[in-house]
PDB file of N, CA and C in Angstrom:
ATOM      1  N   MET A   1       3.542 -11.548  -1.862  1.00  0.00           N
ATOM      2  CA  MET A   1       2.109 -11.079  -0.158  1.00  0.00           C
ATOM      3  C   MET A   1       1.151  -9.902  -1.491  1.00  0.00           C
ATOM      4  N   LYS A   2      -0.312 -10.590  -1.264  1.00  0.00           N
ATOM      5  CA  LYS A   2      -1.123  -9.816  -1.502  1.00  0.00           C
ATOM      6  C   LYS A   2      -1.789  -8.741  -1.194  1.00  0.00           C
ATOM      7  N   ASP A   3      -1.907  -7.492  -1.518  1.00  0.00           N
ATOM      8  CA  ASP A   3      -2.752  -6.724  -0.496  1.00  0.00           C
ATOM      9  C   ASP A   3      -3.866  -6.731  -0.785  1.00  0.00           C
ATOM     10  N   VAL A   4      -4.554  -4.958  -0.693  1.00  0.00           N
ATOM     11  CA  VAL A   4      -6.414  -5.679  -0.234  1.00  0.00           C
ATOM     12  C   VAL A   4      -6.307  -5.261  -2.284  1.00  0.00           C
ATOM     13  N   PHE A   5      -5.682  -4.254  -3.028  1.00  0.00           N
ATOM     14  CA  PHE A   5      -5.526  -3.854  -4.172  1.00  0.00           C
ATOM     15  C   PHE A   5      -5.935  -4.920  -4.934  1.00  0.00           C
ATOM     16  N   ASP A   6      -5.066  -6.673  -4.875  1.00  0.00           N
ATOM     17  CA  ASP A   6      -5.051  -7.823  -5.066  1.00  0.00           C
ATOM     18  C   ASP A   6      -6.020  -8.991  -4.770  1.00  0.00           C
ATOM     19  N   GLN A   7      -6.276  -8.484  -3.675  1.00  0.00           N
ATOM     20  CA  GLN A   7      -7.690  -8.966  -3.861  1.00  0.00           C
ATOM     21  C   GLN A   7      -8.969  -8.928  -4.205  1.00  0.00           C
ATOM     22  N   TRP A   8      -9.173  -6.687  -3.894  1.00  0.00           N
ATOM     23  CA  TRP A   8     -10.377  -6.962  -4.956  1.00  0.00           C
ATOM     24  C   TRP A   8     -10.167  -7.541  -6.184  1.00  0.00           C
ATOM     25  N   TRP A   9      -9.161  -6.922  -7.257  1.00  0.00           N
ATOM     26  CA  TRP A   9      -9.045  -7.698  -8.068  1.00  0.00           C
ATOM     27  C   TRP A   9      -9.148  -9.160  -8.638  1.00  0.00           C
ATOM     28  N   GLU A  10      -8.704  -9.980  -7.918  1.00  0.00           N
ATOM     29  CA  GLU A  10      -8.849 -10.854  -7.991  1.00  0.00           C
ATOM     30  C   GLU A  10     -10.101 -11.560  -7.688  1.00  0.00           C
ATOM     31  N   TRP A  11     -10.881 -10.584  -6.504  1.00  0.00           N
ATOM     32  CA  TRP A  11     -12.703 -10.881  -6.359  1.00  0.00           C
ATOM     33  C   TRP A  11     -13.413 -10.518  -8.041  1.00  0.00           C
ATOM     34  N   THR A  12     -13.236  -9.043  -7.901  1.00  0.00           N
ATOM     35  CA  THR A  12     -13.924  -8.800  -8.740  1.00  0.00           C
ATOM     36  C   THR A  12     -14.007  -9.867 -10.161  1.00  0.00           C
ATOM     37  N   ASN A  13     -12.565  -9.929 -10.641  1.00  0.00           N
ATOM     38  CA  ASN A  13     -12.282 -11.220 -12.564  1.00  0.00           C
ATOM     39  C   ASN A  13     -13.064 -12.084 -11.612  1.00  0.00           C
ATOM     40  N   LYS A  14     -13.285 -12.456 -10.756  1.00  0.00           N
ATOM     41  CA  LYS A  14     -12.766 -14.094 -10.029  1.00  0.00           C
ATOM     42  C   LYS A  14     -14.487 -14.711 -11.549  1.00  0.00           C
ATOM     43  N   PRO A  15     -14.362 -15.806 -11.807  1.00  0.00           N
ATOM     44  CA  PRO A  15     -15.625 -16.640 -12.667  1.00  0.00           C
ATOM     45  C   PRO A  15     -16.959 -16.203 -11.801  1.00  0.00           C
ATOM     46  N   PHE A  16     -18.412 -16.301 -12.317  1.00  0.00           N
ATOM     47  CA  PHE A  16     -19.421 -16.036 -11.739  1.00  0.00           C
ATOM     48  C   PHE A  16     -19.905 -17.095 -10.939  1.00  0.00           C
ATOM     49  N   SER A  17     -19.240 -18.333 -11.307  1.00  0.00           N
ATOM     50  CA  SER A  17     -19.636 -20.476 -10.323  1.00  0.00           C
ATOM     51  C   SER A  17     -18.766 -20.105  -9.304  1.00  0.00           C
ATOM     52  N   ASP A  18     -17.614 -19.146  -9.354  1.00  0.00           N
ATOM     53  CA  ASP A  18     -16.910 -18.997  -8.284  1.00  0.00           C
ATOM     54  C   ASP A  18     -17.461 -18.988  -6.895  1.00  0.00           C
ATOM     55  N   MET A  19     -17.267 -18.972  -6.093  1.00  0.00           N
ATOM     56  CA  MET A  19     -17.885 -18.895  -4.083  1.00  0.00           C
ATOM     57  C   MET A  19     -16.984 -17.582  -3.680  1.00  0.00           C
ATOM     58  N   ALA A  20     -15.746 -17.727  -4.265  1.00  0.00           N
ATOM     59  CA  ALA A  20     -14.976 -16.883  -3.065  1.00  0.00           C
ATOM     60  C   ALA A  20     -15.749 -15.595  -2.868  1.00  0.00           C
ATOM     61  N   THR A  21     -14.995 -15.215  -1.249  1.00  0.00           N
ATOM     62  CA  THR A  21     -16.204 -13.557  -1.352  1.00  0.00           C
ATOM     63  C   THR A  21     -14.332 -12.908  -0.784  1.00  0.00           C
ATOM     64  N   ILE A  22     -15.358 -11.843  -0.641  1.00  0.00           N
ATOM     65  CA  ILE A  22     -13.808 -10.626   0.458  1.00  0.00           C
ATOM     66  C   ILE A  22     -14.914 -10.601   1.633  1.00  0.00           C
ATOM     67  N   SER A  23     -13.481  -9.941   2.783  1.00  0.00           N
ATOM     68  CA  SER A  23     -14.785  -9.345   3.739  1.00  0.00           C
ATOM     69  C   SER A  23     -15.814  -8.101   3.218  1.00  0.00           C
ATOM     70  N   ALA A  24     -16.438  -7.729   3.817  1.00  0.00           N
ATOM     71  CA  ALA A  24     -17.481  -6.752   4.024  1.00  0.00           C
ATOM     72  C   ALA A  24     -16.908  -5.238   4.156  1.00  0.00           C
ATOM     73  N   GLU A  25     -15.889  -5.229   5.086  1.00  0.00           N
ATOM     74  CA  GLU A  25     -15.300  -4.003   5.681  1.00  0.00           C
ATOM     75  C   GLU A  25     -14.104  -3.513   4.274  1.00  0.00           C
ATOM     76  N   ILE A  26     -13.676  -4.561   3.369  1.00  0.00           N
ATOM     77  CA  ILE A  26     -13.091  -4.219   2.095  1.00  0.00           C
ATOM     78  C   ILE A  26     -13.968  -3.814   0.941  1.00  0.00           C
ATOM     79  N   HIS A  27     -14.822  -4.867   0.284  1.00  0.00           N
ATOM     80  CA  HIS A  27     -16.305  -4.073   0.023  1.00  0.00           C
ATOM     81  C   HIS A  27     -17.327  -3.430   0.151  1.00  0.00           C
ATOM     82  N   GLU A  28     -17.294  -2.083   1.593  1.00  0.00           N
ATOM     83  CA  GLU A  28     -17.376  -0.833   1.251  1.00  0.00           C
ATOM     84  C   GLU A  28     -16.484   0.115   1.173  1.00  0.00           C
ATOM     85  N   ALA A  29     -15.256  -0.077   1.584  1.00  0.00           N
ATOM     86  CA  ALA A  29     -14.370   0.830   1.487  1.00  0.00           C
ATOM     87  C   ALA A  29     -14.210   0.526  -0.114  1.00  0.00           C
ATOM     88  N   VAL A  30     -13.721  -0.226  -0.757  1.00  0.00           N
ATOM     89  CA  VAL A  30     -13.722   0.146  -2.066  1.00  0.00           C
ATOM     90  C   VAL A  30     -14.757   0.466  -3.539  1.00  0.00           C
ATOM     91  N   MET A  31     -16.417  -0.468  -2.804  1.00  0.00           N
ATOM     92  CA  MET A  31     -17.316   0.529  -3.724  1.00  0.00           C
ATOM     93  C   MET A  31     -17.619   2.080  -3.238  1.00  0.00           C
ATOM     94  N   ALA A  32     -16.974   2.699  -1.901  1.00  0.00           N
ATOM     95  CA  ALA A  32     -17.326   4.191  -1.863  1.00  0.00           C
ATOM     96  C   ALA A  32     -16.398   5.220  -2.979  1.00  0.00           C
ATOM     97  N   LEU A  33     -15.569   3.915  -3.408  1.00  0.00           N
ATOM     98  CA  LEU A  33     -14.154   5.347  -4.269  1.00  0.00           C
ATOM     99  C   LEU A  33     -15.080   4.917  -5.883  1.00  0.00           C
ATOM    100  N   SER A  34     -14.662   5.893  -6.351  1.00  0.00           N
ATOM    101  CA  SER A  34     -15.031   6.348  -7.631  1.00  0.00           C
ATOM    102  C   SER A  34     -14.707   5.028  -8.569  1.00  0.00           C
ATOM    103  N   PRO A  35     -15.094   4.881  -9.360  1.00  0.00           N
ATOM    104  CA  PRO A  35     -14.747   3.778 -10.111  1.00  0.00           C
ATOM    105  C   PRO A  35     -13.040   4.028 -10.812  1.00  0.00           C
ATOM    106  N   GLU A  36     -13.013   4.785 -11.155  1.00  0.00           N
ATOM    107  CA  GLU A  36     -11.181   5.167 -11.952  1.00  0.00           C
ATOM    108  C   GLU A  36     -10.526   4.958 -10.612  1.00  0.00           C
ATOM    109  N   ASP A  37     -10.672   5.587  -9.025  1.00  0.00           N
ATOM    110  CA  ASP A  37     -10.137   5.377  -7.921  1.00  0.00           C
ATOM    111  C   ASP A  37      -9.600   4.356  -7.642  1.00  0.00           C
ATOM    112  N   ARG A  38     -10.828   2.792  -7.919  1.00  0.00           N
ATOM    113  CA  ARG A  38     -10.826   1.912  -8.116  1.00  0.00           C
ATOM    114  C   ARG A  38      -9.461   0.850  -8.297  1.00  0.00           C
ATOM    115  N   ARG A  39      -8.936   1.414  -9.657  1.00  0.00           N
ATOM    116  CA  ARG A  39      -7.701   1.251 -10.194  1.00  0.00           C
ATOM    117  C   ARG A  39      -6.677   1.505  -9.672  1.00  0.00           C
ATOM    118  N   ASP A  40      -6.536   2.160  -8.863  1.00  0.00           N
ATOM    119  CA  ASP A  40      -5.671   3.314  -8.250  1.00  0.00           C
ATOM    120  C   ASP A  40      -5.445   1.900  -7.064  1.00  0.00           C
ATOM    121  N   ARG A  41      -4.429   1.865  -6.923  1.00  0.00           N
ATOM    122  CA  ARG A  41      -3.356   0.968  -5.684  1.00  0.00           C
ATOM    123  C   ARG A  41      -3.498   1.497  -4.491  1.00  0.00           C
ATOM    124  N   ALA A  42      -2.500   2.712  -4.782  1.00  0.00           N
ATOM    125  CA  ALA A  42      -2.456   3.419  -3.207  1.00  0.00           C
ATOM    126  C   ALA A  42      -3.740   3.938  -2.509  1.00  0.00           C
ATOM    127  N   LYS A  43      -5.175   4.719  -3.355  1.00  0.00           N
ATOM    128  CA  LYS A  43      -6.288   4.863  -2.841  1.00  0.00           C
ATOM    129  C   LYS A  43      -7.007   3.476  -2.532  1.00  0.00           C
ATOM    130  N   VAL A  44      -6.712   2.571  -2.590  1.00  0.00           N
ATOM    131  CA  VAL A  44      -8.125   1.138  -2.624  1.00  0.00           C
ATOM    132  C   VAL A  44      -6.886   1.085  -1.685  1.00  0.00           C
ATOM    133  N   ASN A  45      -5.704   0.469  -1.494  1.00  0.00           N
ATOM    134  CA  ASN A  45      -5.143   0.273   0.047  1.00  0.00           C
ATOM    135  C   ASN A  45      -5.588   1.194   1.098  1.00  0.00           C
ATOM    136  N   GLU A  46      -5.519   2.400   0.947  1.00  0.00           N
ATOM    137  CA  GLU A  46      -5.269   3.712   1.988  1.00  0.00           C
ATOM    138  C   GLU A  46      -7.151   3.595   2.218  1.00  0.00           C
ATOM    139  N   ALA A  47      -8.067   3.336   1.469  1.00  0.00           N
ATOM    140  CA  ALA A  47      -9.474   3.779   1.575  1.00  0.00           C
ATOM    141  C   ALA A  47      -9.966   2.381   2.994  1.00  0.00           C
ATOM    142  N   VAL A  48      -9.189   1.479   2.335  1.00  0.00           N
ATOM    143  CA  VAL A  48      -9.809   0.096   3.331  1.00  0.00           C
ATOM    144  C   VAL A  48      -8.955   0.075   4.390  1.00  0.00           C
ATOM    145  N   GLN A  49      -7.969   0.782   4.881  1.00  0.00           N
ATOM    146  CA  GLN A  49      -7.297   1.369   6.269  1.00  0.00           C
ATOM    147  C   GLN A  49      -7.591   2.743   6.977  1.00  0.00           C
ATOM    148  N   ARG A  50      -8.315   3.591   6.076  1.00  0.00           N
ATOM    149  CA  ARG A  50      -8.824   4.301   6.795  1.00  0.00           C
ATOM    150  C   ARG A  50     -10.534   4.010   7.200  1.00  0.00           C
ATOM    151  N   HIS A  51     -10.896   2.727   6.618  1.00  0.00           N
ATOM    152  CA  HIS A  51     -12.409   2.725   6.832  1.00  0.00           C
ATOM    153  C   HIS A  51     -12.086   0.997   8.468  1.00  0.00           C
ATOM    154  N   GLN A  52     -10.746   0.542   8.522  1.00  0.00           N
ATOM    155  CA  GLN A  52     -11.147  -0.230   9.358  1.00  0.00           C
ATOM    156  C   GLN A  52     -10.484   0.690  10.286  1.00  0.00           C
ATOM    157  N   ALA A  53      -9.802   1.375  10.609  1.00  0.00           N
ATOM    158  CA  ALA A  53      -9.592   2.706  11.865  1.00  0.00           C
ATOM    159  C   ALA A  53     -10.754   3.425  12.310  1.00  0.00           C
ATOM    160  N   ARG A  54     -11.816   3.392  11.476  1.00  0.00           N
ATOM    161  CA  ARG A  54     -13.141   4.256  11.677  1.00  0.00           C
ATOM    162  C   ARG A  54     -13.662   2.990  13.039  1.00  0.00           C
ATOM    163  N   ILE A  55     -13.339   1.766  11.872  1.00  0.00           N
ATOM    164  CA  ILE A  55     -14.364   0.318  12.426  1.00  0.00           C
ATOM    165  C   ILE A  55     -13.404  -0.042  14.515  1.00  0.00           C
ATOM    166  N   GLN A  56     -12.823   0.071  14.442  1.00  0.00           N
ATOM    167  CA  GLN A  56     -11.908   0.108  15.345  1.00  0.00           C
ATOM    168  C   GLN A  56     -12.315   0.989  16.593  1.00  0.00           C
ATOM    169  N   LYS A  57     -12.242   1.758  16.049  1.00  0.00           N
ATOM    170  CA  LYS A  57     -12.716   3.269  17.299  1.00  0.00           C
ATOM    171  C   LYS A  57     -13.768   2.576  18.500  1.00  0.00           C
TER     172      LYS A  57
END
């Protein structure tokens, strides 16, 4: 099963011609991290969980 980290990196590494997308929630949460933290599975997954929790309130 793919986690958010896997989804992020698949989207990031897709060919330019590939029209695949990710949700704005994932993009916002991950882009708020430093470039170094975007390479950390735990930090990416945690950032998206925190972002989703804020939205649901």
